[in-house]
C-alpha cells in the first residue's frame, strides 16, 4: 500500500533522528517494525504560571511573595487609594449588643436553676461587656474620620480607613467607615483557623495575604497614621513594627501613632521603665500619643493629618 505524505514524513524524521544519534556515538532503534507506521502524538505542555501545583510548591515561594507585593499595589492604584489611617486592635472584642445578649442569656440561665453556667463564663461575659466600649468607640472614630476625610474634597479615596479585615476592632473600623458612606480597606490573612473577612470592607479593597510580612508592608506603605486599640500578641506585633520603622527612619511618610485607651496601655507596657533602663530614649516617646475618647482621637488625628495632608500620596513613596 502506498504511504501517505504524512506517513513518509514520520519515517524520514525517525531516520534523520537515528543518524544524528549515531553521529554522536549513541545507538538508537527507533524505526518502527516493517509494515507499521508510528502514530505521532503531540502533548501541549501547561504554562508554568497556570500550574497550580508548582505555584503552591516551595520552589515558587519567591513568586508568591512578589505577587503579594504587586497585586495589592495594582489594586490600590486602580481604585485610586492614596493614603490610609490604620486601625489595629483585638479580634476578640465584640459589639456592645452581642456582648450584652451573651451576658443576659447567661444571667437568665443562672436564674432558672437548670444547666447553670460556670462562674468563669459569667465573668468572661461581664468582661466582654466592659471591653465592648472599645468596639463602639473605634466604630465612632472611624465614622467621624471618614466624614472628615470626605469633607476635604480631595476625592473619595484620598484618605481611607484600613484594618486587618477580621472581626472585633477590625470590624468596628470598617463598619464606622461604611456608616459614614466611605470606602475602607481590609488586609486579611490566611490562618490555620480561618479568619473570615468582615462584611463591612469595601469588596474591591478586601485583600487576602498568605505572608504576615507582606501584609505588614501594605499596612505601612500608604499609612499616614496608626491608631491602636487594646489588643493581644498580633496587635502588639504590628504596633512594635511601626514604632521600629519610624524610630529607624525606614518610612518616608512620618505616620502618627496613637494609643487608644491610655489606662490600658500604661498598665500593659511600662515605657518609663524602658527609658530608665536606657533601652529607649525619652525622645523616642515623641512617636506616641495617648487618647481615651473618640473626641480626643479625632482632635489628634485632624491635627496630625492636616499637617501632612498637603502631602503627596503615601502609596507612591517607596520604602528606603
Protein backbone atom coordinates (compact mmCIF):
# COMPACT_ATOMS: atom_id res chain seq x y z
CA UNK A 1 0.00 0.00 0.00
CA UNK A 2 1.25 3.40 -0.92
CA UNK A 3 2.25 5.54 2.07
CA UNK A 4 0.69 8.97 2.50
CA UNK A 5 2.85 12.09 2.61
CA UNK A 6 2.28 12.31 6.38
CA UNK A 7 3.49 8.72 6.88
CA UNK A 8 6.59 9.34 4.75
CA UNK A 9 7.36 12.45 6.80
CA UNK A 10 7.21 10.39 10.01
CA UNK A 11 9.61 7.80 8.60
CA UNK A 12 12.02 10.46 7.31
CA UNK A 13 12.02 12.17 10.74
CA UNK A 14 12.77 8.87 12.52
CA UNK A 15 15.64 8.04 10.14
CA UNK A 16 17.09 11.55 10.48
CA UNK A 17 17.00 11.34 14.29
CA UNK A 18 18.64 7.88 14.20
CA UNK A 19 21.51 9.20 12.03
CA UNK A 20 22.02 12.16 14.39
CA UNK A 21 22.25 9.88 17.42
CA UNK A 22 24.73 7.57 15.68
CA UNK A 23 26.95 10.52 14.79
CA UNK A 24 27.07 11.35 18.48
CA UNK A 25 28.24 7.84 19.34
CA UNK A 26 24.78 6.76 20.54
CA UNK A 27 22.74 3.79 19.39
CA UNK A 28 19.05 4.03 18.85
CA UNK A 29 16.44 1.73 17.46
CA UNK A 30 13.55 3.99 16.92
CA UNK A 31 12.47 2.83 13.46
CA UNK A 32 9.11 1.11 13.54
CA UNK A 33 8.85 -2.57 12.66
CA UNK A 34 8.34 -3.25 8.95
CA UNK A 35 4.87 -2.56 7.85
CA UNK A 36 3.98 -0.45 10.93
CA UNK A 37 3.89 3.33 10.75
CA UNK A 38 4.30 5.25 14.02
CA UNK A 39 1.41 7.42 15.15
CA UNK A 40 2.80 10.78 16.31
CA UNK A 41 1.00 12.27 19.30
CA UNK A 42 1.58 15.84 20.41
CA UNK A 43 1.31 16.95 24.05
CA UNK A 44 0.69 20.63 24.74
CA UNK A 45 2.59 21.45 27.94
CA UNK A 46 0.90 23.56 30.59
CA UNK A 47 2.07 27.16 31.04
CA UNK A 48 4.14 27.43 34.21
CA UNK A 49 2.04 30.21 35.72
CA UNK A 50 -1.09 28.07 35.18
CA UNK A 51 0.46 25.17 37.08
CA UNK A 52 -1.22 25.47 40.50
CA UNK A 53 0.75 22.58 41.97
CA UNK A 54 4.02 24.36 41.11
CA UNK A 55 2.79 27.74 42.37
CA UNK A 56 1.99 26.15 45.74
CA UNK A 57 5.42 24.50 45.97
CA UNK A 58 8.49 25.67 47.90
CA UNK A 59 10.22 26.40 44.58
CA UNK A 60 7.63 29.09 43.79
CA UNK A 61 7.74 30.87 47.16
CA UNK A 62 9.51 33.90 45.70
CA UNK A 63 6.76 34.23 43.07
CA UNK A 64 4.05 34.15 45.75
CA UNK A 65 5.86 36.82 47.75
CA UNK A 66 6.25 39.02 44.68
CA UNK A 67 2.56 38.57 43.85
CA UNK A 68 1.61 39.80 47.33
CA UNK A 69 3.53 42.99 46.59
CA UNK A 70 2.41 43.63 43.00
CA UNK A 71 -1.27 42.62 43.13
CA UNK A 72 -2.21 44.83 46.13
CA UNK A 73 -0.20 47.69 44.62
CA UNK A 74 -2.02 47.36 41.30
CA UNK A 75 -5.41 47.13 43.00
CA UNK A 76 -4.92 50.13 45.29
CA UNK A 77 -3.70 52.22 42.37
CA UNK A 78 -6.60 51.09 40.18
CA UNK A 79 -9.15 52.08 42.85
CA UNK A 80 -7.24 55.32 43.49
CA UNK A 81 -6.33 54.81 47.16
CA UNK A 82 -3.77 57.43 48.17
CA UNK A 83 -3.41 57.38 51.97
CA UNK A 84 -4.75 55.36 54.90
CA UNK A 85 -5.27 55.54 58.64
CA UNK A 86 -4.65 52.06 60.04
CA UNK A 87 -6.75 50.69 62.92
CA UNK A 88 -5.26 47.87 65.00
CA UNK A 89 -6.83 46.07 67.95
CA UNK A 90 -8.14 42.80 69.29
CA UNK A 91 -10.23 40.47 67.14
CA UNK A 92 -11.88 39.24 70.37
CA UNK A 93 -13.70 42.45 71.36
CA UNK A 94 -17.40 42.13 70.41
CA UNK A 95 -20.02 44.79 69.63
CA UNK A 96 -21.98 46.05 72.64
CA UNK A 97 -25.26 44.39 71.59
CA UNK A 98 -23.60 41.00 71.08
CA UNK A 99 -21.81 41.19 74.44
CA UNK A 100 -24.98 42.25 76.27
CA UNK A 101 -27.03 39.44 74.70
CA UNK A 102 -24.44 36.88 75.78
CA UNK A 103 -24.44 38.19 79.36
CA UNK A 104 -28.25 38.36 79.53
CA UNK A 105 -28.57 34.78 78.23
CA UNK A 106 -26.14 33.51 80.86
CA UNK A 107 -27.84 35.51 83.62
CA UNK A 108 -31.24 34.10 82.65
CA UNK A 109 -29.89 30.56 82.68
CA UNK A 110 -28.34 31.07 86.11
CA UNK A 111 -31.72 32.20 87.48
CA UNK A 112 -33.59 29.25 86.02
CA UNK A 113 -31.53 26.87 88.09
CA UNK A 114 -31.21 24.34 85.25
CA UNK A 115 -27.91 24.00 83.42
CA UNK A 116 -26.38 26.86 85.33
CA UNK A 117 -23.39 28.43 83.52
CA UNK A 118 -19.95 28.21 85.06
CA UNK A 119 -18.86 31.26 87.08
CA UNK A 120 -15.90 31.67 84.71
CA UNK A 121 -18.33 32.02 81.77
CA UNK A 122 -20.28 34.76 83.55
CA UNK A 123 -17.05 36.61 84.43
CA UNK A 124 -15.91 36.39 80.81
CA UNK A 125 -19.28 37.73 79.61
CA UNK A 126 -19.10 40.67 82.02
CA UNK A 127 -15.56 41.41 80.86
CA UNK A 128 -16.72 41.32 77.24
CA UNK A 129 -19.41 43.93 78.03
CA UNK A 130 -16.77 46.19 79.62
CA UNK A 131 -14.38 45.78 76.69
CA UNK A 132 -17.14 46.29 74.11
CA UNK A 133 -16.85 50.03 74.71
CA UNK A 134 -13.68 49.90 72.59
CA UNK A 135 -15.61 48.36 69.68
CA UNK A 136 -18.22 51.12 69.81
CA UNK A 137 -15.65 53.88 70.26
CA UNK A 138 -13.50 52.55 67.41
CA UNK A 139 -16.59 52.50 65.24
CA UNK A 140 -17.28 56.14 66.14
CA UNK A 141 -13.70 57.25 65.46
CA UNK A 142 -13.72 55.55 62.04
CA UNK A 143 -17.08 57.10 61.17
CA UNK A 144 -16.05 60.62 62.18
CA UNK A 145 -12.66 60.30 60.48
CA UNK A 146 -14.31 59.18 57.24
CA UNK A 147 -16.82 62.04 57.37
CA UNK A 148 -13.95 64.49 57.81
CA UNK A 149 -11.94 62.89 55.01
CA UNK A 150 -14.88 63.13 52.59
CA UNK A 151 -15.31 66.80 53.50
CA UNK A 152 -11.74 67.61 52.37
CA UNK A 153 -12.76 67.49 48.68
CA UNK A 154 -9.58 65.60 47.70
CA UNK A 155 -11.68 62.79 46.26
CA UNK A 156 -13.44 59.85 47.97
CA UNK A 157 -10.32 57.64 48.08
CA UNK A 158 -7.72 60.15 49.22
CA UNK A 159 -7.74 59.06 52.89
CA UNK A 160 -9.31 55.73 53.83
CA UNK A 161 -9.71 53.66 56.97
CA UNK A 162 -7.65 50.45 56.81
CA UNK A 163 -7.94 47.43 59.10
CA UNK A 164 -6.74 43.85 59.34
CA UNK A 165 -10.01 42.74 57.79
CA UNK A 166 -11.21 40.43 60.57
CA UNK A 167 -13.70 40.70 63.46
CA UNK A 168 -13.55 42.76 66.66
CA UNK A 169 -11.80 46.13 66.44
CA UNK A 170 -11.03 45.48 62.78
CA UNK A 171 -14.72 45.08 62.01
CA UNK A 172 -15.58 48.18 64.03
CA UNK A 173 -13.20 50.30 61.93
CA UNK A 174 -14.61 49.10 58.59
CA UNK A 175 -18.14 49.39 59.93
CA UNK A 176 -17.70 53.00 61.03
CA UNK A 177 -16.30 53.95 57.61
CA UNK A 178 -19.22 52.26 55.85
CA UNK A 179 -21.74 54.07 58.09
CA UNK A 180 -20.19 57.38 57.01
CA UNK A 181 -20.65 56.44 53.36
CA UNK A 182 -16.95 55.90 52.67
CA UNK A 183 -14.81 53.08 51.40
CA UNK A 184 -12.34 51.17 53.56
CA UNK A 185 -9.52 48.68 53.14
CA UNK A 186 -9.30 45.23 54.74
CA UNK A 187 -5.97 43.39 54.69
CA UNK A 188 -6.88 39.86 55.74
CA UNK A 189 -4.53 36.96 56.48
CA UNK A 190 -4.89 33.23 55.86
CA UNK A 191 -4.63 31.45 59.22
CA UNK A 192 -4.89 27.79 60.34
CA UNK A 193 -8.19 28.81 61.95
CA UNK A 194 -9.72 30.75 59.09
CA UNK A 195 -10.24 34.47 59.68
CA UNK A 196 -13.23 35.43 57.55
CA UNK A 197 -13.24 39.00 56.17
CA UNK A 198 -15.83 41.15 57.95
CA UNK A 199 -18.83 42.25 55.85
CA UNK A 200 -18.10 46.00 56.10
CA UNK A 201 -14.94 46.08 53.95
CA UNK A 202 -15.34 47.64 50.50
CA UNK A 203 -15.34 44.49 48.30
CA UNK A 204 -12.72 45.68 45.79
CA UNK A 205 -10.44 46.65 48.71
CA UNK A 206 -10.64 43.31 50.52
CA UNK A 207 -7.17 41.80 50.07
CA UNK A 208 -6.06 38.37 51.29
CA UNK A 209 -2.46 37.62 52.30
CA UNK A 210 -0.55 34.42 52.96
CA UNK A 211 2.56 36.09 54.42
CA UNK A 212 2.43 38.28 57.52
CA UNK A 213 5.45 40.33 56.45
CA UNK A 214 3.86 41.28 53.11
CA UNK A 215 0.64 42.22 54.90
CA UNK A 216 2.65 44.43 57.26
CA UNK A 217 4.29 46.14 54.30
CA UNK A 218 0.88 47.13 52.96
CA UNK A 219 -0.25 48.34 56.36
CA UNK A 220 2.80 50.61 56.45
CA UNK A 221 3.24 51.74 52.83
CA UNK A 222 0.22 54.07 52.46
CA UNK A 223 -0.27 54.84 56.18
CA UNK A 224 -0.40 58.42 57.42
CA UNK A 225 -1.48 57.44 60.94
CA UNK A 226 -1.92 54.38 63.11
CA UNK A 227 -4.47 54.15 65.92
CA UNK A 228 -4.02 51.16 68.22
CA UNK A 229 -6.88 49.93 70.40
CA UNK A 230 -6.42 47.34 73.17
CA UNK A 231 -5.26 44.03 71.74
CA UNK A 232 -3.12 40.96 72.15
CA UNK A 233 0.01 39.50 70.56
CA UNK A 234 -0.95 40.40 66.98
CA UNK A 235 -1.78 43.99 67.88
CA UNK A 236 1.47 44.33 69.83
CA UNK A 237 3.49 42.85 66.98
CA UNK A 238 2.07 45.31 64.46
CA UNK A 239 2.48 48.28 66.81
CA UNK A 240 6.14 47.47 67.55
CA UNK A 241 6.81 47.04 63.84
CA UNK A 242 5.51 50.54 63.13
CA UNK A 243 7.44 52.04 66.05
CA UNK A 244 10.66 50.42 64.84
CA UNK A 245 10.19 51.61 61.25
CA UNK A 246 9.59 55.17 62.43
CA UNK A 247 12.39 55.16 65.01
CA UNK A 248 14.89 53.97 62.39
CA UNK A 249 13.58 56.33 59.66
CA UNK A 250 12.62 53.45 57.35
CA UNK A 251 9.30 55.12 56.48
CA UNK A 252 9.41 58.30 54.43
CA UNK A 253 5.87 59.17 55.50
CA UNK A 254 6.14 60.00 59.20
CA UNK A 255 2.98 58.25 60.36
CA UNK A 256 1.50 59.30 63.69
CA UNK A 257 0.97 56.56 66.29
CA UNK A 258 -1.99 56.94 68.64
CA UNK A 259 -2.58 54.51 71.50
CA UNK A 260 -6.29 54.46 72.34
CA UNK A 261 -7.09 53.76 75.99
CA UNK A 262 -4.31 55.39 78.00
CA UNK A 263 -5.09 53.42 81.17
CA UNK A 264 -4.93 50.09 79.33
CA UNK A 265 -1.67 50.84 77.51
CA UNK A 266 0.15 52.24 80.52
CA UNK A 267 -0.86 49.17 82.53
CA UNK A 268 0.42 46.66 79.97
CA UNK A 269 3.57 48.45 78.73
CA UNK A 270 5.90 50.26 81.11
CA UNK A 271 7.65 52.64 78.74
CA UNK A 272 9.05 54.61 81.68
CA UNK A 273 10.91 51.52 82.90
CA UNK A 274 12.42 51.14 79.43
CA UNK A 275 13.55 54.78 79.49
CA UNK A 276 15.04 54.42 82.99
CA UNK A 277 16.92 51.29 81.91
CA UNK A 278 18.40 53.13 78.94
CA UNK A 279 16.88 50.78 76.32
CA UNK A 280 14.62 53.52 74.93
CA UNK A 281 15.39 57.24 74.64
CA UNK A 282 12.89 59.69 76.08
CA UNK A 283 12.82 61.39 72.69
CA UNK A 284 11.50 58.15 71.18
CA UNK A 285 8.31 58.65 73.18
CA UNK A 286 7.51 61.61 70.93
CA UNK A 287 6.41 58.98 68.41
CA UNK A 288 3.39 58.12 70.60
CA UNK A 289 0.21 59.98 71.52
CA UNK A 290 -2.28 58.72 74.13
CA UNK A 291 -6.04 59.27 73.83
CA UNK A 292 -9.02 57.86 75.72
CA UNK A 293 -12.14 59.17 73.95
CA UNK A 294 -13.31 59.44 70.34
CA UNK A 295 -13.24 63.24 70.60
CA UNK A 296 -9.59 63.20 71.70
CA UNK A 297 -8.68 60.75 68.95
CA UNK A 298 -10.33 62.84 66.21
CA UNK A 299 -8.70 66.02 67.52
CA UNK A 300 -5.21 64.45 67.40
CA UNK A 301 -5.83 62.81 64.02
CA UNK A 302 -7.06 66.06 62.45
CA UNK A 303 -4.09 67.99 63.82
CA UNK A 304 -1.51 65.41 62.69
CA UNK A 305 -3.11 64.69 59.33
CA UNK A 306 -3.76 68.35 58.47
CA UNK A 307 -0.02 68.85 58.76
CA UNK A 308 0.66 66.04 56.30
CA UNK A 309 -2.39 66.17 54.05
CA UNK A 310 -0.76 68.81 51.92
CA UNK A 311 1.17 65.57 51.43
CA UNK A 312 1.96 63.67 48.32
CA UNK A 313 0.16 60.33 48.14
CA UNK A 314 1.98 58.00 50.52
CA UNK A 315 1.46 54.93 48.34
CA UNK A 316 3.89 56.41 45.83
CA UNK A 317 6.62 56.86 48.46
CA UNK A 318 8.74 53.69 48.44
CA UNK A 319 10.45 52.17 51.46
CA UNK A 320 14.09 53.16 51.90
